C-alpha cells in the first residue's frame, strides 16, 4: 500500500529504551443487568501501536522533519519501515503529533514519536 519508505539515512532500528508495543483491543464488552459481561469481536484486524525513540544527529533530525512534514504530508501518509520486533517490512503511519526532540549530548538528539502498523 505505501509508496514511500523510511529514509535510509535515518536509523533503521529503534532504541531499546523507550520502545513500547501495544495491540489495540479488538473486542467490545457490554455490562449486563446480571451475570457476566457480553463480549463480541469488534474488528477483524487490529492495529499495533508503537512508541518509538531514536537517537539522531542534527542532520538526521532535519531529515526526520523533512520526512514527516514534506514526504509524509504532516504524518498523514503511510510509509514502509521494518517492524521493530519482527524485522519484516510493514506499512505504518505516524500517530499523534510531530516527533519531539530532546538534547541527548554533544551533537545528539533523542526523538520520540508514535506509529501504528496498518492491518
PDB file of N, CA and C in Angstrom:
ATOM      1  N   UNK A   1       0.814  -1.186   0.000  1.00  0.00           N
ATOM      2  CA  UNK A   1       0.000   0.000   0.000  1.00  0.00           C
ATOM      3  C   UNK A   1       0.862   1.255   0.000  1.00  0.00           C
ATOM      4  N   UNK A   2       1.849   1.311   0.885  1.00  0.00           N
ATOM      5  CA  UNK A   2       2.671   2.518   0.995  1.00  0.00           C
ATOM      6  C   UNK A   2       3.595   2.655  -0.206  1.00  0.00           C
ATOM      7  N   UNK A   3       3.745   3.879  -0.660  1.00  0.00           N
ATOM      8  CA  UNK A   3       4.651   4.129  -1.781  1.00  0.00           C
ATOM      9  C   UNK A   3       5.901   4.874  -1.338  1.00  0.00           C
ATOM     10  N   UNK A   4       5.940   5.310  -0.086  1.00  0.00           N
ATOM     11  CA  UNK A   4       7.131   5.970   0.424  1.00  0.00           C
ATOM     12  C   UNK A   4       7.781   5.055   1.470  1.00  0.00           C
ATOM     13  N   UNK A   5       9.081   5.214   1.629  1.00  0.00           N
ATOM     14  CA  UNK A   5       9.803   4.364   2.569  1.00  0.00           C
ATOM     15  C   UNK A   5      10.556   5.226   3.579  1.00  0.00           C
ATOM     16  N   UNK A   6      10.818   4.632   4.718  1.00  0.00           N
ATOM     17  CA  UNK A   6      11.595   5.279   5.765  1.00  0.00           C
ATOM     18  C   UNK A   6      12.958   5.649   5.191  1.00  0.00           C
ATOM     19  N   UNK A   7      13.452   6.864   5.407  1.00  0.00           N
ATOM     20  CA  UNK A   7      14.729   7.284   4.815  1.00  0.00           C
ATOM     21  C   UNK A   7      15.901   6.395   5.246  1.00  0.00           C
ATOM     22  N   UNK A   8      16.727   6.053   4.288  1.00  0.00           N
ATOM     23  CA  UNK A   8      17.886   5.189   4.542  1.00  0.00           C
ATOM     24  C   UNK A   8      18.928   5.874   5.425  1.00  0.00           C
ATOM     25  N   UNK A   9      18.931   7.215   5.466  1.00  0.00           N
ATOM     26  CA  UNK A   9      19.920   7.933   6.269  1.00  0.00           C
ATOM     27  C   UNK A   9      19.520   8.038   7.741  1.00  0.00           C
ATOM     28  N   UNK A  10      18.308   7.585   8.073  1.00  0.00           N
ATOM     29  CA  UNK A  10      17.872   7.554   9.470  1.00  0.00           C
ATOM     30  C   UNK A  10      18.118   6.162  10.044  1.00  0.00           C
ATOM     31  N   UNK A  11      18.209   6.050  11.372  1.00  0.00           N
ATOM     32  CA  UNK A  11      18.406   4.723  11.962  1.00  0.00           C
ATOM     33  C   UNK A  11      17.320   3.750  11.491  1.00  0.00           C
ATOM     34  N   UNK A  12      17.719   2.535  11.194  1.00  0.00           N
ATOM     35  CA  UNK A  12      16.780   1.526  10.718  1.00  0.00           C
ATOM     36  C   UNK A  12      16.198   0.701  11.860  1.00  0.00           C
ATOM     37  N   UNK A  13      16.782   0.840  13.048  1.00  0.00           N
ATOM     38  CA  UNK A  13      16.306   0.117  14.223  1.00  0.00           C
ATOM     39  C   UNK A  13      16.053   1.103  15.344  1.00  0.00           C
ATOM     40  N   UNK A  14      15.034   0.854  16.138  1.00  0.00           N
ATOM     41  CA  UNK A  14      14.665   1.760  17.226  1.00  0.00           C
ATOM     42  C   UNK A  14      15.557   1.515  18.438  1.00  0.00           C
ATOM     43  N   UNK A  15      15.688   2.542  19.282  1.00  0.00           N
ATOM     44  CA  UNK A  15      16.410   2.383  20.545  1.00  0.00           C
ATOM     45  C   UNK A  15      15.600   1.439  21.441  1.00  0.00           C
ATOM     46  N   UNK A  16      16.277   0.583  22.141  1.00  0.00           N
ATOM     47  CA  UNK A  16      15.581  -0.345  23.038  1.00  0.00           C
ATOM     48  C   UNK A  16      14.944   0.388  24.210  1.00  0.00           C
ATOM     49  N   UNK A  17      15.592   1.460  24.685  1.00  0.00           N
ATOM     50  CA  UNK A  17      14.975   2.290  25.720  1.00  0.00           C
ATOM     51  C   UNK A  17      13.850   3.085  25.077  1.00  0.00           C
ATOM     52  N   UNK A  18      12.716   3.106  25.703  1.00  0.00           N
ATOM     53  CA  UNK A  18      11.615   3.891  25.183  1.00  0.00           C
ATOM     54  C   UNK A  18      10.742   3.184  24.178  1.00  0.00           C
ATOM     55  N   UNK A  19      11.100   1.945  23.801  1.00  0.00           N
ATOM     56  CA  UNK A  19      10.282   1.188  22.837  1.00  0.00           C
ATOM     57  C   UNK A  19       9.139   0.507  23.569  1.00  0.00           C
ATOM     58  N   UNK A  20       7.934   0.700  23.056  1.00  0.00           N
ATOM     59  CA  UNK A  20       6.763   0.006  23.586  1.00  0.00           C
ATOM     60  C   UNK A  20       5.897  -0.426  22.420  1.00  0.00           C
ATOM     61  N   UNK A  21       5.259  -1.568  22.569  1.00  0.00           N
ATOM     62  CA  UNK A  21       4.371  -2.108  21.541  1.00  0.00           C
ATOM     63  C   UNK A  21       3.060  -2.503  22.200  1.00  0.00           C
ATOM     64  N   UNK A  22       1.948  -2.114  21.602  1.00  0.00           N
ATOM     65  CA  UNK A  22       0.639  -2.465  22.151  1.00  0.00           C
ATOM     66  C   UNK A  22      -0.335  -2.713  21.012  1.00  0.00           C
ATOM     67  N   UNK A  23      -1.091  -3.785  21.120  1.00  0.00           N
ATOM     68  CA  UNK A  23      -2.131  -4.076  20.142  1.00  0.00           C
ATOM     69  C   UNK A  23      -3.451  -3.510  20.674  1.00  0.00           C
ATOM     70  N   UNK A  24      -4.165  -2.825  19.812  1.00  0.00           N
ATOM     71  CA  UNK A  24      -5.461  -2.269  20.171  1.00  0.00           C
ATOM     72  C   UNK A  24      -6.435  -3.424  20.388  1.00  0.00           C
ATOM     73  N   UNK A  25      -7.242  -3.331  21.434  1.00  0.00           N
ATOM     74  CA  UNK A  25      -8.210  -4.384  21.721  1.00  0.00           C
ATOM     75  C   UNK A  25      -9.216  -4.497  20.584  1.00  0.00           C
ATOM     76  N   UNK A  26      -9.524  -5.701  20.201  1.00  0.00           N
ATOM     77  CA  UNK A  26     -10.457  -5.929  19.098  1.00  0.00           C
ATOM     78  C   UNK A  26     -11.811  -6.423  19.559  1.00  0.00           C
ATOM     79  N   UNK A  27     -12.143  -6.160  20.834  1.00  0.00           N
ATOM     80  CA  UNK A  27     -13.423  -6.656  21.330  1.00  0.00           C
ATOM     81  C   UNK A  27     -14.218  -5.542  21.987  1.00  0.00           C
ATOM     82  N   UNK A  28     -15.513  -5.748  22.034  1.00  0.00           N
ATOM     83  CA  UNK A  28     -16.430  -4.828  22.693  1.00  0.00           C
ATOM     84  C   UNK A  28     -17.046  -5.563  23.868  1.00  0.00           C
ATOM     85  N   UNK A  29     -16.933  -4.984  25.059  1.00  0.00           N
ATOM     86  CA  UNK A  29     -17.517  -5.572  26.258  1.00  0.00           C
ATOM     87  C   UNK A  29     -18.717  -4.745  26.675  1.00  0.00           C
ATOM     88  N   UNK A  30     -19.819  -5.419  26.985  1.00  0.00           N
ATOM     89  CA  UNK A  30     -21.038  -4.737  27.389  1.00  0.00           C
ATOM     90  C   UNK A  30     -21.476  -5.281  28.747  1.00  0.00           C
ATOM     91  N   UNK A  31     -21.663  -4.383  29.705  1.00  0.00           N
ATOM     92  CA  UNK A  31     -22.164  -4.782  31.020  1.00  0.00           C
ATOM     93  C   UNK A  31     -23.619  -5.229  30.877  1.00  0.00           C
ATOM     94  N   UNK A  32     -23.974  -6.295  31.561  1.00  0.00           N
ATOM     95  CA  UNK A  32     -25.338  -6.806  31.556  1.00  0.00           C
ATOM     96  C   UNK A  32     -25.987  -6.461  32.901  1.00  0.00           C
ATOM     97  N   UNK A  33     -27.324  -6.506  32.953  1.00  0.00           N
ATOM     98  CA  UNK A  33     -28.024  -6.241  34.213  1.00  0.00           C
ATOM     99  C   UNK A  33     -27.628  -7.263  35.275  1.00  0.00           C
ATOM    100  N   UNK A  34     -27.428  -8.484  34.843  1.00  0.00           N
ATOM    101  CA  UNK A  34     -26.958  -9.523  35.764  1.00  0.00           C
ATOM    102  C   UNK A  34     -26.109 -10.512  34.973  1.00  0.00           C
ATOM    103  N   UNK A  35     -25.224 -11.192  35.667  1.00  0.00           N
ATOM    104  CA  UNK A  35     -24.387 -12.175  35.010  1.00  0.00           C
ATOM    105  C   UNK A  35     -23.129 -11.574  34.414  1.00  0.00           C
ATOM    106  N   UNK A  36     -22.400 -12.406  33.680  1.00  0.00           N
ATOM    107  CA  UNK A  36     -21.126 -11.937  33.106  1.00  0.00           C
ATOM    108  C   UNK A  36     -21.342 -10.931  31.970  1.00  0.00           C
ATOM    109  N   UNK A  37     -20.289 -10.204  31.660  1.00  0.00           N
ATOM    110  CA  UNK A  37     -20.324  -9.247  30.554  1.00  0.00           C
ATOM    111  C   UNK A  37     -20.570  -9.988  29.248  1.00  0.00           C
ATOM    112  N   UNK A  38     -21.207  -9.303  28.319  1.00  0.00           N
ATOM    113  CA  UNK A  38     -21.333  -9.810  26.960  1.00  0.00           C
ATOM    114  C   UNK A  38     -20.132  -9.304  26.177  1.00  0.00           C
ATOM    115  N   UNK A  39     -19.508 -10.177  25.388  1.00  0.00           N
ATOM    116  CA  UNK A  39     -18.342  -9.783  24.591  1.00  0.00           C
ATOM    117  C   UNK A  39     -18.532 -10.229  23.157  1.00  0.00           C
ATOM    118  N   UNK A  40     -18.038  -9.365  22.240  1.00  0.00           N
ATOM    119  CA  UNK A  40     -18.034  -9.730  20.828  1.00  0.00           C
ATOM    120  C   UNK A  40     -16.843  -9.071  20.163  1.00  0.00           C
ATOM    121  N   UNK A  41     -16.438  -9.675  19.055  1.00  0.00           N
ATOM    122  CA  UNK A  41     -15.331  -9.110  18.299  1.00  0.00           C
ATOM    123  C   UNK A  41     -15.808  -7.836  17.621  1.00  0.00           C
ATOM    124  N   UNK A  42     -15.022  -6.804  17.739  1.00  0.00           N
ATOM    125  CA  UNK A  42     -15.377  -5.508  17.176  1.00  0.00           C
ATOM    126  C   UNK A  42     -14.722  -5.285  15.819  1.00  0.00           C
ATOM    127  N   UNK A  43     -13.494  -5.784  15.648  1.00  0.00           N
ATOM    128  CA  UNK A  43     -12.738  -5.597  14.413  1.00  0.00           C
ATOM    129  C   UNK A  43     -12.232  -6.950  13.920  1.00  0.00           C
ATOM    130  N   UNK A  44     -12.029  -7.047  12.621  1.00  0.00           N
ATOM    131  CA  UNK A  44     -11.406  -8.252  12.081  1.00  0.00           C
ATOM    132  C   UNK A  44      -9.894  -8.127  12.094  1.00  0.00           C
ATOM    133  N   UNK A  45      -9.382  -6.907  12.089  1.00  0.00           N
ATOM    134  CA  UNK A  45      -7.937  -6.666  12.174  1.00  0.00           C
ATOM    135  C   UNK A  45      -7.719  -5.496  13.124  1.00  0.00           C
ATOM    136  N   UNK A  46      -6.748  -5.634  14.000  1.00  0.00           N
ATOM    137  CA  UNK A  46      -6.480  -4.573  14.959  1.00  0.00           C
ATOM    138  C   UNK A  46      -5.082  -4.002  14.720  1.00  0.00           C
ATOM    139  N   UNK A  47      -4.956  -2.680  14.794  1.00  0.00           N
ATOM    140  CA  UNK A  47      -3.636  -2.082  14.578  1.00  0.00           C
ATOM    141  C   UNK A  47      -2.717  -2.316  15.767  1.00  0.00           C
ATOM    142  N   UNK A  48      -1.427  -2.310  15.493  1.00  0.00           N
ATOM    143  CA  UNK A  48      -0.401  -2.388  16.531  1.00  0.00           C
ATOM    144  C   UNK A  48       0.222  -1.003  16.646  1.00  0.00           C
ATOM    145  N   UNK A  49       0.289  -0.480  17.859  1.00  0.00           N
ATOM    146  CA  UNK A  49       0.797   0.862  18.104  1.00  0.00           C
ATOM    147  C   UNK A  49       2.175   0.760  18.763  1.00  0.00           C
ATOM    148  N   UNK A  50       3.123   1.553  18.264  1.00  0.00           N
ATOM    149  CA  UNK A  50       4.476   1.574  18.793  1.00  0.00           C
ATOM    150  C   UNK A  50       4.812   2.967  19.312  1.00  0.00           C
ATOM    151  N   UNK A  51       5.471   3.012  20.464  1.00  0.00           N
ATOM    152  CA  UNK A  51       6.129   4.223  20.944  1.00  0.00           C
ATOM    153  C   UNK A  51       7.601   4.046  20.596  1.00  0.00           C
ATOM    154  N   UNK A  52       8.118   4.954  19.803  1.00  0.00           N
ATOM    155  CA  UNK A  52       9.469   4.831  19.250  1.00  0.00           C
ATOM    156  C   UNK A  52      10.364   5.902  19.840  1.00  0.00           C
ATOM    157  N   UNK A  53      11.601   5.537  20.102  1.00  0.00           N
ATOM    158  CA  UNK A  53      12.626   6.513  20.476  1.00  0.00           C
ATOM    159  C   UNK A  53      13.857   6.240  19.629  1.00  0.00           C
ATOM    160  N   UNK A  54      14.427   7.299  19.074  1.00  0.00           N
ATOM    161  CA  UNK A  54      15.641   7.216  18.268  1.00  0.00           C
ATOM    162  C   UNK A  54      16.639   8.259  18.763  1.00  0.00           C
ATOM    163  N   UNK A  55      17.914   7.969  18.631  1.00  0.00           N
ATOM    164  CA  UNK A  55      18.967   8.945  18.900  1.00  0.00           C
ATOM    165  C   UNK A  55      19.509   9.393  17.549  1.00  0.00           C
ATOM    166  N   UNK A  56      19.442  10.707  17.300  1.00  0.00           N
ATOM    167  CA  UNK A  56      19.775  11.258  15.993  1.00  0.00           C
ATOM    168  C   UNK A  56      20.845  12.335  16.088  1.00  0.00           C
ATOM    169  N   UNK A  57      21.568  12.510  14.992  1.00  0.00           N
ATOM    170  CA  UNK A  57      22.437  13.671  14.859  1.00  0.00           C
ATOM    171  C   UNK A  57      21.568  14.854  14.433  1.00  0.00           C
ATOM    172  N   UNK A  58      22.132  16.036  14.423  1.00  0.00           N
ATOM    173  CA  UNK A  58      21.392  17.221  13.987  1.00  0.00           C
ATOM    174  C   UNK A  58      20.914  17.067  12.541  1.00  0.00           C
ATOM    175  N   UNK A  59      21.782  16.524  11.680  1.00  0.00           N
ATOM    176  CA  UNK A  59      21.417  16.308  10.274  1.00  0.00           C
ATOM    177  C   UNK A  59      20.278  15.294  10.160  1.00  0.00           C
ATOM    178  N   UNK A  60      20.344  14.228  10.946  1.00  0.00           N
ATOM    179  CA  UNK A  60      19.275  13.229  10.907  1.00  0.00           C
ATOM    180  C   UNK A  60      17.957  13.805  11.430  1.00  0.00           C
ATOM    181  N   UNK A  61      18.016  14.695  12.432  1.00  0.00           N
ATOM    182  CA  UNK A  61      16.797  15.343  12.928  1.00  0.00           C
ATOM    183  C   UNK A  61      16.163  16.181  11.816  1.00  0.00           C
ATOM    184  N   UNK A  62      16.978  16.874  11.042  1.00  0.00           N
ATOM    185  CA  UNK A  62      16.466  17.637   9.901  1.00  0.00           C
ATOM    186  C   UNK A  62      15.833  16.699   8.871  1.00  0.00           C
ATOM    187  N   UNK A  63      16.468  15.543   8.637  1.00  0.00           N
ATOM    188  CA  UNK A  63      15.924  14.556   7.692  1.00  0.00           C
ATOM    189  C   UNK A  63      14.576  14.040   8.169  1.00  0.00           C
ATOM    190  N   UNK A  64      14.462  13.750   9.479  1.00  0.00           N
ATOM    191  CA  UNK A  64      13.189  13.268  10.016  1.00  0.00           C
ATOM    192  C   UNK A  64      12.110  14.330   9.883  1.00  0.00           C
ATOM    193  N   UNK A  65      12.439  15.584  10.151  1.00  0.00           N
ATOM    194  CA  UNK A  65      11.460  16.666   9.979  1.00  0.00           C
ATOM    195  C   UNK A  65      10.991  16.764   8.533  1.00  0.00           C
ATOM    196  N   UNK A  66      11.920  16.699   7.588  1.00  0.00           N
ATOM    197  CA  UNK A  66      11.553  16.748   6.172  1.00  0.00           C
ATOM    198  C   UNK A  66      10.674  15.556   5.802  1.00  0.00           C
ATOM    199  N   UNK A  67      11.031  14.381   6.305  1.00  0.00           N
ATOM    200  CA  UNK A  67      10.233  13.186   6.027  1.00  0.00           C
ATOM    201  C   UNK A  67       8.824  13.340   6.597  1.00  0.00           C
ATOM    202  N   UNK A  68       8.708  13.781   7.832  1.00  0.00           N
ATOM    203  CA  UNK A  68       7.396  13.926   8.481  1.00  0.00           C
ATOM    204  C   UNK A  68       6.547  15.007   7.799  1.00  0.00           C
ATOM    205  N   UNK A  69       7.104  16.210   7.663  1.00  0.00           N
ATOM    206  CA  UNK A  69       6.311  17.345   7.178  1.00  0.00           C
ATOM    207  C   UNK A  69       6.102  17.344   5.661  1.00  0.00           C
ATOM    208  N   UNK A  70       7.108  16.954   4.897  1.00  0.00           N
ATOM    209  CA  UNK A  70       7.021  17.052   3.441  1.00  0.00           C
ATOM    210  C   UNK A  70       6.661  15.719   2.796  1.00  0.00           C
ATOM    211  N   UNK A  71       7.486  14.702   3.016  1.00  0.00           N
ATOM    212  CA  UNK A  71       7.278  13.420   2.344  1.00  0.00           C
ATOM    213  C   UNK A  71       5.997  12.741   2.811  1.00  0.00           C
ATOM    214  N   UNK A  72       5.791  12.692   4.134  1.00  0.00           N
ATOM    215  CA  UNK A  72       4.604  12.023   4.686  1.00  0.00           C
ATOM    216  C   UNK A  72       3.443  13.001   4.913  1.00  0.00           C
ATOM    217  N   UNK A  73       3.563  14.195   4.389  1.00  0.00           N
ATOM    218  CA  UNK A  73       2.481  15.204   4.450  1.00  0.00           C
ATOM    219  C   UNK A  73       1.940  15.385   5.874  1.00  0.00           C
ATOM    220  N   UNK A  74       2.820  15.884   6.749  1.00  0.00           N
ATOM    221  CA  UNK A  74       2.492  16.104   8.164  1.00  0.00           C
ATOM    222  C   UNK A  74       2.061  14.812   8.853  1.00  0.00           C
ATOM    223  N   UNK A  75       2.653  13.705   8.442  1.00  0.00           N
ATOM    224  CA  UNK A  75       2.402  12.420   9.079  1.00  0.00           C
ATOM    225  C   UNK A  75       1.140  11.718   8.648  1.00  0.00           C
ATOM    226  N   UNK A  76       0.492  12.187   7.579  1.00  0.00           N
ATOM    227  CA  UNK A  76      -0.788  11.590   7.167  1.00  0.00           C
ATOM    228  C   UNK A  76      -0.637  10.429   6.192  1.00  0.00           C
ATOM    229  N   UNK A  77       0.486  10.345   5.490  1.00  0.00           N
ATOM    230  CA  UNK A  77       0.670   9.275   4.506  1.00  0.00           C
ATOM    231  C   UNK A  77       1.368   8.064   5.127  1.00  0.00           C
ATOM    232  N   UNK A  78       0.955   6.857   4.754  1.00  0.00           N
ATOM    233  CA  UNK A  78       1.651   5.661   5.250  1.00  0.00           C
ATOM    234  C   UNK A  78       3.018   5.522   4.595  1.00  0.00           C
ATOM    235  N   UNK A  79       3.895   4.802   5.272  1.00  0.00           N
ATOM    236  CA  UNK A  79       5.232   4.559   4.752  1.00  0.00           C
ATOM    237  C   UNK A  79       5.669   3.153   5.146  1.00  0.00           C
ATOM    238  N   UNK A  80       6.664   2.640   4.428  1.00  0.00           N
ATOM    239  CA  UNK A  80       7.217   1.320   4.737  1.00  0.00           C
ATOM    240  C   UNK A  80       8.413   1.473   5.663  1.00  0.00           C
ATOM    241  N   UNK A  81       8.457   0.610   6.667  1.00  0.00           N
ATOM    242  CA  UNK A  81       9.586   0.553   7.587  1.00  0.00           C
ATOM    243  C   UNK A  81       9.625  -0.838   8.181  1.00  0.00           C
ATOM    244  N   UNK A  82      10.709  -1.183   8.806  1.00  0.00           N
ATOM    245  CA  UNK A  82      10.824  -2.504   9.427  1.00  0.00           C
ATOM    246  C   UNK A  82      10.073  -2.532  10.752  1.00  0.00           C
ATOM    247  N   UNK A  83       9.303  -3.605  10.944  1.00  0.00           N
ATOM    248  CA  UNK A  83       8.616  -3.831  12.215  1.00  0.00           C
ATOM    249  C   UNK A  83       9.699  -3.917  13.294  1.00  0.00           C
ATOM    250  N   UNK A  84       9.607  -3.123  14.365  1.00  0.00           N
ATOM    251  CA  UNK A  84      10.686  -3.093  15.359  1.00  0.00           C
ATOM    252  C   UNK A  84      10.989  -4.434  16.025  1.00  0.00           C
ATOM    253  N   UNK A  85      10.004  -5.314  16.144  1.00  0.00           N
ATOM    254  CA  UNK A  85      10.234  -6.588  16.822  1.00  0.00           C
ATOM    255  C   UNK A  85      10.528  -7.723  15.859  1.00  0.00           C
ATOM    256  N   UNK A  86       9.779  -7.798  14.743  1.00  0.00           N
ATOM    257  CA  UNK A  86       9.928  -8.935  13.828  1.00  0.00           C
ATOM    258  C   UNK A  86      10.934  -8.687  12.712  1.00  0.00           C
ATOM    259  N   UNK A  87      11.172  -7.417  12.378  1.00  0.00           N
ATOM    260  CA  UNK A  87      12.101  -7.092  11.296  1.00  0.00           C
ATOM    261  C   UNK A  87      11.492  -7.163   9.911  1.00  0.00           C
ATOM    262  N   UNK A  88      10.224  -7.577   9.807  1.00  0.00           N
ATOM    263  CA  UNK A  88       9.576  -7.637   8.491  1.00  0.00           C
ATOM    264  C   UNK A  88       9.159  -6.227   8.051  1.00  0.00           C
ATOM    265  N   UNK A  89       9.122  -5.995   6.752  1.00  0.00           N
ATOM    266  CA  UNK A  89       8.717  -4.699   6.220  1.00  0.00           C
ATOM    267  C   UNK A  89       7.201  -4.582   6.289  1.00  0.00           C
ATOM    268  N   UNK A  90       6.713  -3.502   6.906  1.00  0.00           N
ATOM    269  CA  UNK A  90       5.282  -3.290   7.092  1.00  0.00           C
ATOM    270  C   UNK A  90       4.921  -1.854   6.725  1.00  0.00           C
ATOM    271  N   UNK A  91       3.635  -1.628   6.480  1.00  0.00           N
ATOM    272  CA  UNK A  91       3.126  -0.282   6.265  1.00  0.00           C
ATOM    273  C   UNK A  91       2.742   0.303   7.613  1.00  0.00           C
ATOM    274  N   UNK A  92       3.179   1.524   7.874  1.00  0.00           N
ATOM    275  CA  UNK A  92       2.827   2.189   9.114  1.00  0.00           C
ATOM    276  C   UNK A  92       2.602   3.662   8.847  1.00  0.00           C
ATOM    277  N   UNK A  93       2.047   4.328   9.838  1.00  0.00           N
ATOM    278  CA  UNK A  93       1.858   5.780   9.748  1.00  0.00           C
ATOM    279  C   UNK A  93       2.031   6.389  11.128  1.00  0.00           C
ATOM    280  N   UNK A  94       2.337   7.681  11.131  1.00  0.00           N
ATOM    281  CA  UNK A  94       2.524   8.400  12.383  1.00  0.00           C
ATOM    282  C   UNK A  94       1.192   8.559  13.100  1.00  0.00           C
ATOM    283  N   UNK A  95       1.242   8.529  14.426  1.00  0.00           N
ATOM    284  CA  UNK A  95       0.070   8.815  15.263  1.00  0.00           C
ATOM    285  C   UNK A  95       0.368  10.062  16.083  1.00  0.00           C
ATOM    286  N   UNK A  96      -0.658  10.793  16.423  1.00  0.00           N
ATOM    287  CA  UNK A  96      -0.465  11.974  17.259  1.00  0.00           C
ATOM    288  C   UNK A  96       0.267  13.066  16.512  1.00  0.00           C
ATOM    289  N   UNK A  97       1.046  13.798  17.237  1.00  0.00           N
ATOM    290  CA  UNK A  97       1.737  14.934  16.655  1.00  0.00           C
ATOM    291  C   UNK A  97       3.083  14.587  16.054  1.00  0.00           C
ATOM    292  N   UNK A  98       3.806  15.629  15.738  1.00  0.00           N
ATOM    293  CA  UNK A  98       5.133  15.508  15.134  1.00  0.00           C
ATOM    294  C   UNK A  98       6.133  14.950  16.150  1.00  0.00           C
ATOM    295  N   UNK A  99       7.261  14.414  15.668  1.00  0.00           N
ATOM    296  CA  UNK A  99       8.291  13.923  16.586  1.00  0.00           C
ATOM    297  C   UNK A  99       8.766  15.015  17.544  1.00  0.00           C
ATOM    298  N   UNK A 100       9.039  14.615  18.782  1.00  0.00           N
ATOM    299  CA  UNK A 100       9.578  15.515  19.806  1.00  0.00           C
ATOM    300  C   UNK A 100      11.075  15.292  19.905  1.00  0.00           C
ATOM    301  N   UNK A 101      11.811  16.348  20.257  1.00  0.00           N
ATOM    302  CA  UNK A 101      13.261  16.246  20.374  1.00  0.00           C
ATOM    303  C   UNK A 101      13.720  16.714  21.751  1.00  0.00           C
ATOM    304  N   UNK A 102      14.762  16.069  22.251  1.00  0.00           N
ATOM    305  CA  UNK A 102      15.413  16.487  23.487  1.00  0.00           C
ATOM    306  C   UNK A 102      16.918  16.331  23.286  1.00  0.00           C
ATOM    307  N   UNK A 103      17.678  17.275  23.827  1.00  0.00           N
ATOM    308  CA  UNK A 103      19.135  17.216  23.702  1.00  0.00           C
ATOM    309  C   UNK A 103      19.639  15.990  24.455  1.00  0.00           C
ATOM    310  N   UNK A 104      20.493  15.186  23.808  1.00  0.00           N
ATOM    311  CA  UNK A 104      20.965  13.926  24.412  1.00  0.00           C
ATOM    312  C   UNK A 104      22.484  13.878  24.485  1.00  0.00           C
ATOM    313  N   UNK A 105      23.136  15.006  24.385  1.00  0.00           N
ATOM    314  CA  UNK A 105      24.597  15.026  24.421  1.00  0.00           C
ATOM    315  C   UNK A 105      25.124  15.842  23.261  1.00  0.00           C
ATOM    316  N   UNK A 106      26.428  15.909  23.172  1.00  0.00           N
ATOM    317  CA  UNK A 106      27.054  16.679  22.102  1.00  0.00           C
ATOM    318  C   UNK A 106      26.609  16.170  20.743  1.00  0.00           C
ATOM    319  N   UNK A 107      25.964  17.025  19.989  1.00  0.00           N
ATOM    320  CA  UNK A 107      25.529  16.713  18.619  1.00  0.00           C
ATOM    321  C   UNK A 107      24.509  15.583  18.516  1.00  0.00           C
ATOM    322  N   UNK A 108      23.879  15.182  19.626  1.00  0.00           N
ATOM    323  CA  UNK A 108      22.871  14.124  19.579  1.00  0.00           C
ATOM    324  C   UNK A 108      21.547  14.612  20.150  1.00  0.00           C
ATOM    325  N   UNK A 109      20.474  14.095  19.548  1.00  0.00           N
ATOM    326  CA  UNK A 109      19.129  14.446  19.979  1.00  0.00           C
ATOM    327  C   UNK A 109      18.304  13.175  20.103  1.00  0.00           C
ATOM    328  N   UNK A 110      17.573  13.068  21.202  1.00  0.00           N
ATOM    329  CA  UNK A 110      16.651  11.949  21.373  1.00  0.00           C
ATOM    330  C   UNK A 110      15.306  12.403  20.835  1.00  0.00           C
ATOM    331  N   UNK A 111      14.719  11.596  19.979  1.00  0.00           N
ATOM    332  CA  UNK A 111      13.404  11.921  19.452  1.00  0.00           C
ATOM    333  C   UNK A 111      12.442  10.811  19.827  1.00  0.00           C
ATOM    334  N   UNK A 112      11.195  11.182  20.027  1.00  0.00           N
ATOM    335  CA  UNK A 112      10.172  10.193  20.329  1.00  0.00           C
ATOM    336  C   UNK A 112       8.923  10.520  19.518  1.00  0.00           C
ATOM    337  N   UNK A 113       8.241   9.461  19.098  1.00  0.00           N
ATOM    338  CA  UNK A 113       7.006   9.594  18.340  1.00  0.00           C
ATOM    339  C   UNK A 113       6.271   8.259  18.372  1.00  0.00           C
ATOM    340  N   UNK A 114       5.039   8.281  17.944  1.00  0.00           N
ATOM    341  CA  UNK A 114       4.234   7.051  17.894  1.00  0.00           C
ATOM    342  C   UNK A 114       3.841   6.752  16.460  1.00  0.00           C
ATOM    343  N   UNK A 115       3.799   5.457  16.146  1.00  0.00           N
ATOM    344  CA  UNK A 115       3.345   4.991  14.843  1.00  0.00           C
ATOM    345  C   UNK A 115       2.409   3.808  15.052  1.00  0.00           C
ATOM    346  N   UNK A 116       1.639   3.510  14.026  1.00  0.00           N
ATOM    347  CA  UNK A 116       0.820   2.295  14.054  1.00  0.00           C
ATOM    348  C   UNK A 116       1.087   1.494  12.794  1.00  0.00           C
ATOM    349  N   UNK A 117       1.107   0.181  12.959  1.00  0.00           N
ATOM    350  CA  UNK A 117       1.221  -0.720  11.820  1.00  0.00           C
ATOM    351  C   UNK A 117      -0.186  -0.882  11.272  1.00  0.00           C
ATOM    352  N   UNK A 118      -0.331  -0.675   9.981  1.00  0.00           N
ATOM    353  CA  UNK A 118      -1.650  -0.772   9.369  1.00  0.00           C
ATOM    354  C   UNK A 118      -1.984  -2.240   9.109  1.00  0.00           C
ATOM    355  N   UNK A 119      -3.216  -2.622   9.432  1.00  0.00           N
ATOM    356  CA  UNK A 119      -3.606  -4.024   9.216  1.00  0.00           C
ATOM    357  C   UNK A 119      -3.704  -4.385   7.747  1.00  0.00           C
TER     358      UNK A 119
END
